[in-house]
Amino acid sequence: MGLILLEALAAGLVFILIIWWTMFSGRKKGELHDDTEPEADSTPDDRGQPPKA
């Protein structure tokens, strides 16, 4: 009975270790963020100027 409990405890610790590893392993400063924003398709009338009436 004690051996079964010891094995269950070991399996639980391995499970927690795997969860911990997947949560906190990776880049030191987190994920890289893309600083460049995608440019919208600009038309000649879409340059920040009001449309001509």
PDB file of N, CA and C in Angstrom:
ATOM      1  N   MET A   1       0.828  -1.194   0.000  1.00  0.00           N
ATOM      2  CA  MET A   1       0.000   0.000   0.000  1.00  0.00           C
ATOM      3  C   MET A   1       0.876   1.262   0.000  1.00  0.00           C
ATOM      4  N   GLY A   2       1.913   1.263   0.798  1.00  0.00           N
ATOM      5  CA  GLY A   2       2.815   2.413   0.852  1.00  0.00           C
ATOM      6  C   GLY A   2       3.537   2.632  -0.465  1.00  0.00           C
ATOM      7  N   LEU A   3       3.865   1.538  -1.143  1.00  0.00           N
ATOM      8  CA  LEU A   3       4.544   1.659  -2.440  1.00  0.00           C
ATOM      9  C   LEU A   3       3.635   2.297  -3.482  1.00  0.00           C
ATOM     10  N   ILE A   4       2.358   1.971  -3.446  1.00  0.00           N
ATOM     11  CA  ILE A   4       1.400   2.564  -4.388  1.00  0.00           C
ATOM     12  C   ILE A   4       1.262   4.061  -4.128  1.00  0.00           C
ATOM     13  N   LEU A   5       1.201   4.447  -2.884  1.00  0.00           N
ATOM     14  CA  LEU A   5       1.118   5.869  -2.546  1.00  0.00           C
ATOM     15  C   LEU A   5       2.383   6.620  -2.955  1.00  0.00           C
ATOM     16  N   LEU A   6       3.534   6.000  -2.760  1.00  0.00           N
ATOM     17  CA  LEU A   6       4.795   6.608  -3.161  1.00  0.00           C
ATOM     18  C   LEU A   6       4.853   6.784  -4.677  1.00  0.00           C
ATOM     19  N   GLU A   7       4.386   5.787  -5.418  1.00  0.00           N
ATOM     20  CA  GLU A   7       4.372   5.867  -6.881  1.00  0.00           C
ATOM     21  C   GLU A   7       3.394   6.950  -7.353  1.00  0.00           C
ATOM     22  N   ALA A   8       2.239   7.057  -6.687  1.00  0.00           N
ATOM     23  CA  ALA A   8       1.269   8.096  -7.039  1.00  0.00           C
ATOM     24  C   ALA A   8       1.839   9.488  -6.759  1.00  0.00           C
ATOM     25  N   LEU A   9       2.546   9.620  -5.646  1.00  0.00           N
ATOM     26  CA  LEU A   9       3.189  10.892  -5.323  1.00  0.00           C
ATOM     27  C   LEU A   9       4.241  11.250  -6.365  1.00  0.00           C
ATOM     28  N   ALA A  10       5.039  10.270  -6.776  1.00  0.00           N
ATOM     29  CA  ALA A  10       6.060  10.517  -7.799  1.00  0.00           C
ATOM     30  C   ALA A  10       5.417  10.909  -9.125  1.00  0.00           C
ATOM     31  N   ALA A  11       4.321  10.248  -9.497  1.00  0.00           N
ATOM     32  CA  ALA A  11       3.630  10.590 -10.742  1.00  0.00           C
ATOM     33  C   ALA A  11       3.055  12.004 -10.669  1.00  0.00           C
ATOM     34  N   GLY A  12       2.517  12.379  -9.530  1.00  0.00           N
ATOM     35  CA  GLY A  12       1.994  13.730  -9.356  1.00  0.00           C
ATOM     36  C   GLY A  12       3.087  14.780  -9.449  1.00  0.00           C
ATOM     37  N   LEU A  13       4.236  14.489  -8.846  1.00  0.00           N
ATOM     38  CA  LEU A  13       5.356  15.439  -8.924  1.00  0.00           C
ATOM     39  C   LEU A  13       5.868  15.588 -10.353  1.00  0.00           C
ATOM     40  N   VAL A  14       5.932  14.480 -11.089  1.00  0.00           N
ATOM     41  CA  VAL A  14       6.344  14.550 -12.498  1.00  0.00           C
ATOM     42  C   VAL A  14       5.335  15.373 -13.292  1.00  0.00           C
ATOM     43  N   PHE A  15       4.044  15.162 -13.033  1.00  0.00           N
ATOM     44  CA  PHE A  15       3.002  15.926 -13.710  1.00  0.00           C
ATOM     45  C   PHE A  15       3.141  17.421 -13.439  1.00  0.00           C
ATOM     46  N   ILE A  16       3.343  17.789 -12.177  1.00  0.00           N
ATOM     47  CA  ILE A  16       3.507  19.200 -11.819  1.00  0.00           C
ATOM     48  C   ILE A  16       4.780  19.775 -12.441  1.00  0.00           C
ATOM     49  N   LEU A  17       5.841  18.982 -12.477  1.00  0.00           N
ATOM     50  CA  LEU A  17       7.084  19.436 -13.104  1.00  0.00           C
ATOM     51  C   LEU A  17       6.880  19.707 -14.597  1.00  0.00           C
ATOM     52  N   ILE A  18       6.149  18.851 -15.270  1.00  0.00           N
ATOM     53  CA  ILE A  18       5.893  19.056 -16.704  1.00  0.00           C
ATOM     54  C   ILE A  18       5.065  20.320 -16.923  1.00  0.00           C
ATOM     55  N   ILE A  19       4.043  20.534 -16.095  1.00  0.00           N
ATOM     56  CA  ILE A  19       3.225  21.745 -16.217  1.00  0.00           C
ATOM     57  C   ILE A  19       4.072  22.986 -15.950  1.00  0.00           C
ATOM     58  N   TRP A  20       4.879  22.948 -14.908  1.00  0.00           N
ATOM     59  CA  TRP A  20       5.747  24.079 -14.570  1.00  0.00           C
ATOM     60  C   TRP A  20       6.723  24.372 -15.709  1.00  0.00           C
ATOM     61  N   TRP A  21       7.301  23.327 -16.270  1.00  0.00           N
ATOM     62  CA  TRP A  21       8.284  23.494 -17.351  1.00  0.00           C
ATOM     63  C   TRP A  21       7.645  24.135 -18.566  1.00  0.00           C
ATOM     64  N   THR A  22       6.441  23.690 -18.934  1.00  0.00           N
ATOM     65  CA  THR A  22       5.799  24.244 -20.120  1.00  0.00           C
ATOM     66  C   THR A  22       5.299  25.659 -19.890  1.00  0.00           C
ATOM     67  N   MET A  23       4.973  26.012 -18.667  1.00  0.00           N
ATOM     68  CA  MET A  23       4.486  27.365 -18.404  1.00  0.00           C
ATOM     69  C   MET A  23       5.615  28.396 -18.377  1.00  0.00           C
ATOM     70  N   PHE A  24       6.738  28.040 -17.785  1.00  0.00           N
ATOM     71  CA  PHE A  24       7.755  29.043 -17.506  1.00  0.00           C
ATOM     72  C   PHE A  24       9.051  28.885 -18.292  1.00  0.00           C
ATOM     73  N   SER A  25       9.138  27.933 -19.195  1.00  0.00           N
ATOM     74  CA  SER A  25      10.342  27.849 -20.013  1.00  0.00           C
ATOM     75  C   SER A  25      10.103  28.648 -21.284  1.00  0.00           C
ATOM     76  N   GLY A  26      11.148  29.206 -21.813  1.00  0.00           N
ATOM     77  CA  GLY A  26      11.006  30.011 -23.013  1.00  0.00           C
ATOM     78  C   GLY A  26      12.018  31.131 -23.018  1.00  0.00           C
ATOM     79  N   ARG A  27      11.670  32.186 -23.718  1.00  0.00           N
ATOM     80  CA  ARG A  27      12.565  33.334 -23.799  1.00  0.00           C
ATOM     81  C   ARG A  27      12.670  34.015 -22.442  1.00  0.00           C
ATOM     82  N   LYS A  28      13.830  34.584 -22.185  1.00  0.00           N
ATOM     83  CA  LYS A  28      14.072  35.229 -20.892  1.00  0.00           C
ATOM     84  C   LYS A  28      13.150  36.425 -20.683  1.00  0.00           C
ATOM     85  N   LYS A  29      12.870  37.187 -21.744  1.00  0.00           N
ATOM     86  CA  LYS A  29      12.047  38.383 -21.627  1.00  0.00           C
ATOM     87  C   LYS A  29      10.658  38.178 -22.222  1.00  0.00           C
ATOM     88  N   GLY A  30      10.215  36.952 -22.341  1.00  0.00           N
ATOM     89  CA  GLY A  30       8.880  36.684 -22.867  1.00  0.00           C
ATOM     90  C   GLY A  30       8.883  36.593 -24.381  1.00  0.00           C
ATOM     91  N   GLU A  31       7.714  36.624 -24.953  1.00  0.00           N
ATOM     92  CA  GLU A  31       7.574  36.524 -26.396  1.00  0.00           C
ATOM     93  C   GLU A  31       8.003  37.824 -27.057  1.00  0.00           C
ATOM     94  N   LEU A  32       8.516  37.714 -28.261  1.00  0.00           N
ATOM     95  CA  LEU A  32       8.896  38.894 -29.027  1.00  0.00           C
ATOM     96  C   LEU A  32       7.649  39.529 -29.616  1.00  0.00           C
ATOM     97  N   HIS A  33       7.585  40.850 -29.549  1.00  0.00           N
ATOM     98  CA  HIS A  33       6.448  41.571 -30.112  1.00  0.00           C
ATOM     99  C   HIS A  33       6.874  42.233 -31.404  1.00  0.00           C
ATOM    100  N   ASP A  34       5.984  42.228 -32.377  1.00  0.00           N
ATOM    101  CA  ASP A  34       6.259  42.855 -33.659  1.00  0.00           C
ATOM    102  C   ASP A  34       5.966  44.345 -33.525  1.00  0.00           C
ATOM    103  N   ASP A  35       7.017  45.183 -33.570  1.00  0.00           N
ATOM    104  CA  ASP A  35       6.842  46.617 -33.381  1.00  0.00           C
ATOM    105  C   ASP A  35       6.290  47.310 -34.624  1.00  0.00           C
ATOM    106  N   THR A  36       6.448  46.700 -35.775  1.00  0.00           N
ATOM    107  CA  THR A  36       5.969  47.329 -37.000  1.00  0.00           C
ATOM    108  C   THR A  36       4.492  47.010 -37.184  1.00  0.00           C
ATOM    109  N   GLU A  37       3.730  48.047 -37.448  1.00  0.00           N
ATOM    110  CA  GLU A  37       2.308  47.857 -37.692  1.00  0.00           C
ATOM    111  C   GLU A  37       2.094  47.617 -39.181  1.00  0.00           C
ATOM    112  N   PRO A  38       1.189  46.745 -39.538  1.00  0.00           N
ATOM    113  CA  PRO A  38       0.948  46.525 -40.960  1.00  0.00           C
ATOM    114  C   PRO A  38       0.356  47.771 -41.589  1.00  0.00           C
ATOM    115  N   GLU A  39       0.874  48.107 -42.751  1.00  0.00           N
ATOM    116  CA  GLU A  39       0.408  49.306 -43.431  1.00  0.00           C
ATOM    117  C   GLU A  39      -0.883  48.997 -44.174  1.00  0.00           C
ATOM    118  N   ALA A  40      -1.825  49.911 -44.055  1.00  0.00           N
ATOM    119  CA  ALA A  40      -3.084  49.747 -44.775  1.00  0.00           C
ATOM    120  C   ALA A  40      -2.871  50.140 -46.230  1.00  0.00           C
ATOM    121  N   ASP A  41      -3.681  49.575 -47.090  1.00  0.00           N
ATOM    122  CA  ASP A  41      -3.600  49.956 -48.504  1.00  0.00           C
ATOM    123  C   ASP A  41      -3.988  51.409 -48.633  1.00  0.00           C
ATOM    124  N   SER A  42      -3.069  52.226 -49.105  1.00  0.00           N
ATOM    125  CA  SER A  42      -3.354  53.651 -49.206  1.00  0.00           C
ATOM    126  C   SER A  42      -3.701  53.990 -50.644  1.00  0.00           C
ATOM    127  N   THR A  43      -4.779  54.715 -50.770  1.00  0.00           N
ATOM    128  CA  THR A  43      -5.196  55.206 -52.076  1.00  0.00           C
ATOM    129  C   THR A  43      -4.817  56.666 -52.163  1.00  0.00           C
ATOM    130  N   PRO A  44      -4.837  57.266 -53.337  1.00  0.00           N
ATOM    131  CA  PRO A  44      -4.453  58.688 -53.433  1.00  0.00           C
ATOM    132  C   PRO A  44      -5.299  59.593 -52.543  1.00  0.00           C
ATOM    133  N   ASP A  45      -6.568  59.254 -52.288  1.00  0.00           N
ATOM    134  CA  ASP A  45      -7.416  60.093 -51.450  1.00  0.00           C
ATOM    135  C   ASP A  45      -7.240  59.774 -49.972  1.00  0.00           C
ATOM    136  N   ASP A  46      -6.455  58.763 -49.646  1.00  0.00           N
ATOM    137  CA  ASP A  46      -6.314  58.310 -48.256  1.00  0.00           C
ATOM    138  C   ASP A  46      -4.947  58.688 -47.710  1.00  0.00           C
ATOM    139  N   ARG A  47      -4.651  59.977 -47.710  1.00  0.00           N
ATOM    140  CA  ARG A  47      -3.359  60.451 -47.217  1.00  0.00           C
ATOM    141  C   ARG A  47      -3.520  61.415 -46.062  1.00  0.00           C
ATOM    142  N   GLY A  48      -4.636  61.313 -45.346  1.00  0.00           N
ATOM    143  CA  GLY A  48      -4.860  62.222 -44.232  1.00  0.00           C
ATOM    144  C   GLY A  48      -5.444  63.530 -44.657  1.00  0.00           C
ATOM    145  N   GLN A  49      -5.774  63.708 -45.944  1.00  0.00           N
ATOM    146  CA  GLN A  49      -6.350  64.948 -46.438  1.00  0.00           C
ATOM    147  C   GLN A  49      -7.840  64.722 -46.649  1.00  0.00           C
ATOM    148  N   PRO A  50      -8.630  65.736 -46.399  1.00  0.00           N
ATOM    149  CA  PRO A  50     -10.064  65.579 -46.626  1.00  0.00           C
ATOM    150  C   PRO A  50     -10.356  65.432 -48.118  1.00  0.00           C
ATOM    151  N   PRO A  51     -11.398  64.688 -48.460  1.00  0.00           N
ATOM    152  CA  PRO A  51     -11.713  64.518 -49.881  1.00  0.00           C
ATOM    153  C   PRO A  51     -12.159  65.827 -50.514  1.00  0.00           C
ATOM    154  N   LYS A  52     -11.849  65.977 -51.779  1.00  0.00           N
ATOM    155  CA  LYS A  52     -12.242  67.198 -52.504  1.00  0.00           C
ATOM    156  C   LYS A  52     -13.731  67.138 -52.820  1.00  0.00           C
ATOM    157  N   ALA A  53     -14.376  68.310 -52.654  1.00  0.00           N
ATOM    158  CA  ALA A  53     -15.821  68.343 -52.888  1.00  0.00           C
ATOM    159  C   ALA A  53     -16.172  68.707 -54.300  1.00  0.00           C
TER     160      ALA A  53
END
